[in-house]
Amino acid sequence: MIRLINCLRKRSELSDEEFRRFWMDGKFDELIHRVVQLTSVEQYGKNLTLRVDANDTFMRERGSGEPYDGILEYWWINAHELMEVYETPPARELMDEMLEYQRQFVDLSRSVIFFTECEMIGPML
């Protein structure tokens, strides 16, 4: 499996609640769904970091930094055709729409996006 992982940090001037309003907005879900359809995604995830004491405990024990505020994941069995699709006018337009939407609540300079190769170890739920 090939995964595209997008780890997002909220804009510094936004509260957690404001970030979550954008994250949960139907417009964001609609954009994600369009990406899924256009690029033949096998599976995807929209992960919102929980604000729970356990996170603070793990960060303190490991000496780690703050978690990302949200993570988007897109999975493909074979991503060879992905870049061909990505270069098409409809895909470029959709990516521009996604970026424009995310700029409202995401600090792109402190967020990361990257591909991984995923070895499936256990059953998918």
N, C-alpha and C. Protein backbone atom coordinates (compact mmCIF):
# COMPACT_ATOMS: atom_id res chain seq x y z
N MET A 1 0.84 -1.18 0.00
CA MET A 1 0.00 0.00 0.00
C MET A 1 0.89 1.25 0.00
N ILE A 2 0.43 2.26 -0.68
CA ILE A 2 1.07 3.57 -0.68
C ILE A 2 0.12 4.53 0.02
N ARG A 3 0.66 5.31 0.94
CA ARG A 3 -0.17 6.28 1.65
C ARG A 3 0.40 7.68 1.48
N LEU A 4 -0.50 8.62 1.31
CA LEU A 4 -0.14 10.03 1.38
C LEU A 4 -0.64 10.51 2.73
N ILE A 5 0.26 11.02 3.54
CA ILE A 5 -0.08 11.46 4.88
C ILE A 5 0.13 12.97 4.96
N ASN A 6 -0.89 13.66 5.42
CA ASN A 6 -0.85 15.11 5.53
C ASN A 6 -1.11 15.47 6.99
N CYS A 7 -0.05 15.87 7.70
CA CYS A 7 -0.12 16.22 9.13
C CYS A 7 -0.28 17.73 9.23
N LEU A 8 -1.40 18.15 9.80
CA LEU A 8 -1.79 19.56 9.78
C LEU A 8 -1.73 20.20 11.17
N ARG A 9 -1.23 21.43 11.17
CA ARG A 9 -1.23 22.25 12.39
C ARG A 9 -2.15 23.45 12.13
N LYS A 10 -2.90 23.79 13.15
CA LYS A 10 -3.83 24.91 13.02
C LYS A 10 -3.07 26.24 12.97
N ARG A 11 -3.70 27.23 12.38
CA ARG A 11 -3.14 28.57 12.39
C ARG A 11 -3.08 29.07 13.83
N SER A 12 -2.02 29.76 14.17
CA SER A 12 -1.77 30.15 15.57
C SER A 12 -2.85 31.07 16.14
N GLU A 13 -3.50 31.84 15.29
CA GLU A 13 -4.52 32.76 15.80
C GLU A 13 -5.88 32.09 16.05
N LEU A 14 -6.00 30.82 15.67
CA LEU A 14 -7.26 30.11 15.85
C LEU A 14 -7.28 29.31 17.15
N SER A 15 -8.41 29.26 17.77
CA SER A 15 -8.59 28.38 18.93
C SER A 15 -8.79 26.95 18.44
N ASP A 16 -8.69 26.01 19.36
CA ASP A 16 -8.97 24.61 19.00
C ASP A 16 -10.39 24.48 18.45
N GLU A 17 -11.34 25.19 19.05
CA GLU A 17 -12.73 25.11 18.62
C GLU A 17 -12.91 25.65 17.20
N GLU A 18 -12.22 26.74 16.88
CA GLU A 18 -12.31 27.30 15.53
C GLU A 18 -11.72 26.33 14.51
N PHE A 19 -10.56 25.74 14.85
CA PHE A 19 -9.95 24.75 13.96
C PHE A 19 -10.93 23.60 13.73
N ARG A 20 -11.54 23.10 14.78
CA ARG A 20 -12.46 21.98 14.69
C ARG A 20 -13.70 22.31 13.85
N ARG A 21 -14.15 23.56 13.88
CA ARG A 21 -15.30 23.94 13.05
C ARG A 21 -14.96 23.79 11.57
N PHE A 22 -13.77 24.27 11.19
CA PHE A 22 -13.34 24.09 9.80
C PHE A 22 -13.19 22.61 9.48
N TRP A 23 -12.56 21.86 10.39
CA TRP A 23 -12.28 20.44 10.18
C TRP A 23 -13.57 19.64 9.97
N MET A 24 -14.60 19.96 10.73
CA MET A 24 -15.85 19.21 10.69
C MET A 24 -16.84 19.76 9.65
N ASP A 25 -16.49 20.84 8.99
CA ASP A 25 -17.37 21.47 8.03
C ASP A 25 -17.63 20.55 6.84
N GLY A 26 -18.85 20.52 6.36
CA GLY A 26 -19.20 19.71 5.21
C GLY A 26 -18.42 20.07 3.96
N LYS A 27 -17.99 21.31 3.84
CA LYS A 27 -17.18 21.74 2.69
C LYS A 27 -15.86 20.96 2.65
N PHE A 28 -15.23 20.78 3.80
CA PHE A 28 -13.98 20.02 3.86
C PHE A 28 -14.24 18.57 3.48
N ASP A 29 -15.30 17.98 4.02
CA ASP A 29 -15.65 16.60 3.69
C ASP A 29 -15.91 16.44 2.19
N GLU A 30 -16.57 17.42 1.61
CA GLU A 30 -16.87 17.36 0.18
C GLU A 30 -15.59 17.43 -0.65
N LEU A 31 -14.65 18.28 -0.26
CA LEU A 31 -13.37 18.36 -0.97
C LEU A 31 -12.60 17.04 -0.86
N ILE A 32 -12.57 16.47 0.33
CA ILE A 32 -11.89 15.19 0.53
C ILE A 32 -12.54 14.10 -0.33
N HIS A 33 -13.85 14.07 -0.35
CA HIS A 33 -14.57 13.07 -1.15
C HIS A 33 -14.24 13.22 -2.63
N ARG A 34 -14.12 14.45 -3.11
CA ARG A 34 -13.76 14.67 -4.51
C ARG A 34 -12.35 14.18 -4.80
N VAL A 35 -11.41 14.37 -3.85
CA VAL A 35 -10.04 13.85 -4.01
C VAL A 35 -10.09 12.33 -4.11
N VAL A 36 -10.86 11.72 -3.23
CA VAL A 36 -10.99 10.25 -3.20
C VAL A 36 -11.50 9.75 -4.54
N GLN A 37 -12.54 10.37 -5.07
CA GLN A 37 -13.11 9.93 -6.35
C GLN A 37 -12.15 10.14 -7.51
N LEU A 38 -11.54 11.30 -7.56
CA LEU A 38 -10.68 11.64 -8.70
C LEU A 38 -9.43 10.78 -8.76
N THR A 39 -8.89 10.41 -7.60
CA THR A 39 -7.61 9.69 -7.59
C THR A 39 -7.75 8.20 -7.28
N SER A 40 -8.97 7.70 -7.27
CA SER A 40 -9.23 6.27 -7.04
C SER A 40 -8.61 5.77 -5.73
N VAL A 41 -8.81 6.52 -4.66
CA VAL A 41 -8.32 6.14 -3.34
C VAL A 41 -9.02 4.87 -2.88
N GLU A 42 -8.24 3.95 -2.31
CA GLU A 42 -8.80 2.71 -1.77
C GLU A 42 -9.42 2.93 -0.40
N GLN A 43 -8.77 3.75 0.39
CA GLN A 43 -9.21 4.01 1.76
C GLN A 43 -8.64 5.36 2.16
N TYR A 44 -9.33 6.03 3.08
CA TYR A 44 -8.80 7.30 3.57
C TYR A 44 -9.21 7.49 5.01
N GLY A 45 -8.50 8.37 5.69
CA GLY A 45 -8.81 8.67 7.08
C GLY A 45 -8.68 10.15 7.33
N LYS A 46 -9.55 10.64 8.18
CA LYS A 46 -9.54 12.05 8.59
C LYS A 46 -9.46 12.01 10.11
N ASN A 47 -8.26 12.23 10.64
CA ASN A 47 -7.98 12.06 12.06
C ASN A 47 -7.87 13.41 12.75
N LEU A 48 -8.62 13.59 13.81
CA LEU A 48 -8.59 14.81 14.61
C LEU A 48 -7.98 14.47 15.95
N THR A 49 -6.91 15.18 16.32
CA THR A 49 -6.23 14.89 17.58
C THR A 49 -7.15 15.16 18.76
N LEU A 50 -7.19 14.21 19.66
CA LEU A 50 -7.99 14.37 20.88
C LEU A 50 -7.21 15.21 21.88
N ARG A 51 -7.91 16.05 22.56
CA ARG A 51 -7.30 16.85 23.63
C ARG A 51 -7.60 16.12 24.94
N VAL A 52 -6.74 15.14 25.25
CA VAL A 52 -6.93 14.31 26.44
C VAL A 52 -5.64 14.28 27.25
N ASP A 53 -5.79 14.01 28.54
CA ASP A 53 -4.63 13.98 29.44
C ASP A 53 -3.59 12.94 29.01
N ALA A 54 -4.05 11.84 28.43
CA ALA A 54 -3.12 10.79 28.00
C ALA A 54 -2.10 11.34 27.00
N ASN A 55 -2.50 12.24 26.12
CA ASN A 55 -1.55 12.83 25.18
C ASN A 55 -0.46 13.58 25.92
N ASP A 56 -0.86 14.36 26.93
CA ASP A 56 0.13 15.10 27.72
C ASP A 56 1.10 14.15 28.42
N THR A 57 0.56 13.05 28.94
CA THR A 57 1.40 12.06 29.62
C THR A 57 2.43 11.47 28.66
N PHE A 58 1.99 11.04 27.48
CA PHE A 58 2.91 10.45 26.50
C PHE A 58 3.96 11.46 26.05
N MET A 59 3.54 12.69 25.80
CA MET A 59 4.51 13.72 25.36
C MET A 59 5.55 13.98 26.44
N ARG A 60 5.10 14.06 27.68
CA ARG A 60 6.02 14.31 28.79
C ARG A 60 6.99 13.14 28.96
N GLU A 61 6.48 11.90 28.93
CA GLU A 61 7.33 10.72 29.10
C GLU A 61 8.37 10.60 28.00
N ARG A 62 8.01 10.96 26.80
CA ARG A 62 8.92 10.82 25.66
C ARG A 62 9.71 12.09 25.37
N GLY A 63 9.33 13.19 26.00
CA GLY A 63 9.99 14.46 25.72
C GLY A 63 9.69 14.96 24.32
N SER A 64 8.51 14.65 23.82
CA SER A 64 8.17 15.02 22.45
C SER A 64 7.47 16.37 22.39
N GLY A 65 7.37 16.88 21.18
CA GLY A 65 6.68 18.14 20.95
C GLY A 65 5.18 17.95 20.86
N GLU A 66 4.52 19.03 20.54
CA GLU A 66 3.07 19.03 20.42
C GLU A 66 2.62 18.15 19.25
N PRO A 67 1.48 17.49 19.41
CA PRO A 67 0.97 16.69 18.29
C PRO A 67 0.40 17.59 17.19
N TYR A 68 0.24 17.03 16.03
CA TYR A 68 -0.45 17.75 14.96
C TYR A 68 -1.92 17.86 15.37
N ASP A 69 -2.60 18.84 14.80
CA ASP A 69 -4.01 19.04 15.14
C ASP A 69 -4.92 18.09 14.37
N GLY A 70 -4.50 17.71 13.19
CA GLY A 70 -5.27 16.78 12.38
C GLY A 70 -4.38 16.10 11.37
N ILE A 71 -4.80 14.92 10.93
CA ILE A 71 -4.03 14.16 9.95
C ILE A 71 -5.00 13.60 8.91
N LEU A 72 -4.68 13.83 7.64
CA LEU A 72 -5.41 13.24 6.54
C LEU A 72 -4.55 12.13 5.95
N GLU A 73 -5.18 11.00 5.63
CA GLU A 73 -4.46 9.88 5.03
C GLU A 73 -5.25 9.39 3.82
N TYR A 74 -4.54 9.14 2.74
CA TYR A 74 -5.12 8.57 1.53
C TYR A 74 -4.31 7.33 1.19
N TRP A 75 -4.98 6.22 0.88
CA TRP A 75 -4.32 4.94 0.62
C TRP A 75 -4.61 4.46 -0.80
N TRP A 76 -3.56 3.98 -1.46
CA TRP A 76 -3.69 3.36 -2.77
C TRP A 76 -2.95 2.03 -2.76
N ILE A 77 -3.49 1.06 -3.45
CA ILE A 77 -2.78 -0.21 -3.63
C ILE A 77 -1.61 0.01 -4.57
N ASN A 78 -1.85 0.76 -5.62
CA ASN A 78 -0.83 1.06 -6.61
C ASN A 78 -0.97 2.52 -6.98
N ALA A 79 0.02 3.33 -6.72
CA ALA A 79 -0.08 4.77 -6.95
C ALA A 79 0.64 5.23 -8.22
N HIS A 80 0.94 4.31 -9.12
CA HIS A 80 1.68 4.68 -10.33
C HIS A 80 0.95 5.73 -11.16
N GLU A 81 -0.37 5.60 -11.24
CA GLU A 81 -1.14 6.53 -12.07
C GLU A 81 -1.48 7.82 -11.33
N LEU A 82 -1.21 7.87 -10.05
CA LEU A 82 -1.59 9.03 -9.26
C LEU A 82 -1.00 10.32 -9.80
N MET A 83 0.29 10.34 -10.10
CA MET A 83 0.92 11.57 -10.57
C MET A 83 0.41 11.98 -11.95
N GLU A 84 0.03 11.00 -12.77
CA GLU A 84 -0.57 11.34 -14.06
C GLU A 84 -1.90 12.07 -13.84
N VAL A 85 -2.71 11.56 -12.93
CA VAL A 85 -3.99 12.20 -12.60
C VAL A 85 -3.73 13.56 -11.98
N TYR A 86 -2.74 13.64 -11.10
CA TYR A 86 -2.42 14.88 -10.38
C TYR A 86 -2.12 16.03 -11.33
N GLU A 87 -1.54 15.73 -12.47
CA GLU A 87 -1.15 16.77 -13.43
C GLU A 87 -2.29 17.21 -14.34
N THR A 88 -3.45 16.60 -14.26
CA THR A 88 -4.57 16.98 -15.13
C THR A 88 -5.22 18.27 -14.64
N PRO A 89 -5.83 19.02 -15.54
CA PRO A 89 -6.50 20.27 -15.12
C PRO A 89 -7.56 20.07 -14.02
N PRO A 90 -8.42 19.04 -14.09
CA PRO A 90 -9.39 18.88 -12.99
C PRO A 90 -8.73 18.64 -11.64
N ALA A 91 -7.64 17.87 -11.62
CA ALA A 91 -6.94 17.60 -10.37
C ALA A 91 -6.25 18.86 -9.86
N ARG A 92 -5.60 19.60 -10.73
CA ARG A 92 -4.93 20.84 -10.32
C ARG A 92 -5.95 21.83 -9.74
N GLU A 93 -7.10 21.91 -10.38
CA GLU A 93 -8.16 22.81 -9.88
C GLU A 93 -8.64 22.37 -8.49
N LEU A 94 -8.81 21.07 -8.33
CA LEU A 94 -9.25 20.54 -7.04
C LEU A 94 -8.19 20.76 -5.96
N MET A 95 -6.93 20.56 -6.29
CA MET A 95 -5.86 20.78 -5.31
C MET A 95 -5.79 22.26 -4.92
N ASP A 96 -6.01 23.14 -5.89
CA ASP A 96 -6.04 24.57 -5.58
C ASP A 96 -7.21 24.89 -4.64
N GLU A 97 -8.36 24.28 -4.89
CA GLU A 97 -9.52 24.47 -4.01
C GLU A 97 -9.21 23.98 -2.60
N MET A 98 -8.59 22.81 -2.51
CA MET A 98 -8.25 22.24 -1.21
C MET A 98 -7.27 23.16 -0.47
N LEU A 99 -6.25 23.62 -1.16
CA LEU A 99 -5.28 24.53 -0.52
C LEU A 99 -5.94 25.82 -0.07
N GLU A 100 -6.80 26.37 -0.91
CA GLU A 100 -7.49 27.61 -0.55
C GLU A 100 -8.36 27.41 0.70
N TYR A 101 -9.04 26.28 0.77
CA TYR A 101 -9.85 26.00 1.95
C TYR A 101 -8.95 25.83 3.19
N GLN A 102 -7.89 25.03 3.05
CA GLN A 102 -7.02 24.76 4.19
C GLN A 102 -6.30 26.02 4.68
N ARG A 103 -5.99 26.94 3.80
CA ARG A 103 -5.30 28.17 4.23
C ARG A 103 -6.10 28.95 5.27
N GLN A 104 -7.41 28.73 5.32
CA GLN A 104 -8.25 29.43 6.29
C GLN A 104 -8.00 28.96 7.72
N PHE A 105 -7.54 27.71 7.89
CA PHE A 105 -7.40 27.18 9.24
C PHE A 105 -6.11 26.40 9.48
N VAL A 106 -5.32 26.17 8.46
CA VAL A 106 -4.09 25.38 8.58
C VAL A 106 -2.87 26.26 8.37
N ASP A 107 -1.88 26.09 9.23
CA ASP A 107 -0.58 26.73 9.04
C ASP A 107 0.25 25.79 8.17
N LEU A 108 0.22 26.05 6.87
CA LEU A 108 0.90 25.15 5.92
C LEU A 108 2.41 25.09 6.15
N SER A 109 3.00 26.16 6.65
CA SER A 109 4.45 26.17 6.86
C SER A 109 4.87 25.27 8.03
N ARG A 110 3.94 24.94 8.92
CA ARG A 110 4.25 24.06 10.05
C ARG A 110 3.60 22.68 9.89
N SER A 111 3.02 22.44 8.73
CA SER A 111 2.39 21.16 8.44
C SER A 111 3.29 20.39 7.48
N VAL A 112 3.08 19.09 7.39
CA VAL A 112 3.89 18.28 6.48
C VAL A 112 3.00 17.35 5.66
N ILE A 113 3.50 17.00 4.49
CA ILE A 113 2.81 16.06 3.62
C ILE A 113 3.87 15.17 2.98
N PHE A 114 3.61 13.85 2.97
CA PHE A 114 4.61 12.92 2.45
C PHE A 114 3.95 11.58 2.13
N PHE A 115 4.63 10.83 1.25
CA PHE A 115 4.21 9.47 0.90
C PHE A 115 4.94 8.47 1.78
N THR A 116 4.26 7.37 2.08
CA THR A 116 4.88 6.25 2.77
C THR A 116 4.51 4.96 2.05
N GLU A 117 5.33 3.96 2.27
CA GLU A 117 5.00 2.61 1.84
C GLU A 117 4.53 1.89 3.09
N CYS A 118 3.35 1.34 3.03
CA CYS A 118 2.75 0.75 4.22
C CYS A 118 2.69 -0.76 4.06
N GLU A 119 3.31 -1.45 4.99
CA GLU A 119 3.24 -2.91 5.04
C GLU A 119 2.09 -3.27 5.98
N MET A 120 1.09 -3.93 5.45
CA MET A 120 -0.06 -4.31 6.26
C MET A 120 0.34 -5.50 7.14
N ILE A 121 0.22 -5.31 8.45
CA ILE A 121 0.62 -6.34 9.40
C ILE A 121 -0.58 -7.08 9.98
N GLY A 122 -1.63 -6.33 10.27
CA GLY A 122 -2.82 -6.93 10.86
C GLY A 122 -4.02 -6.70 9.97
N PRO A 123 -5.17 -7.20 10.39
CA PRO A 123 -6.38 -7.03 9.57
C PRO A 123 -6.83 -5.57 9.53
N MET A 124 -7.35 -5.15 8.40
CA MET A 124 -7.93 -3.82 8.27
C MET A 124 -9.33 -3.89 8.84
N LEU A 125 -9.68 -2.91 9.63
CA LEU A 125 -11.02 -2.87 10.21
C LEU A 125 -11.95 -2.05 9.36
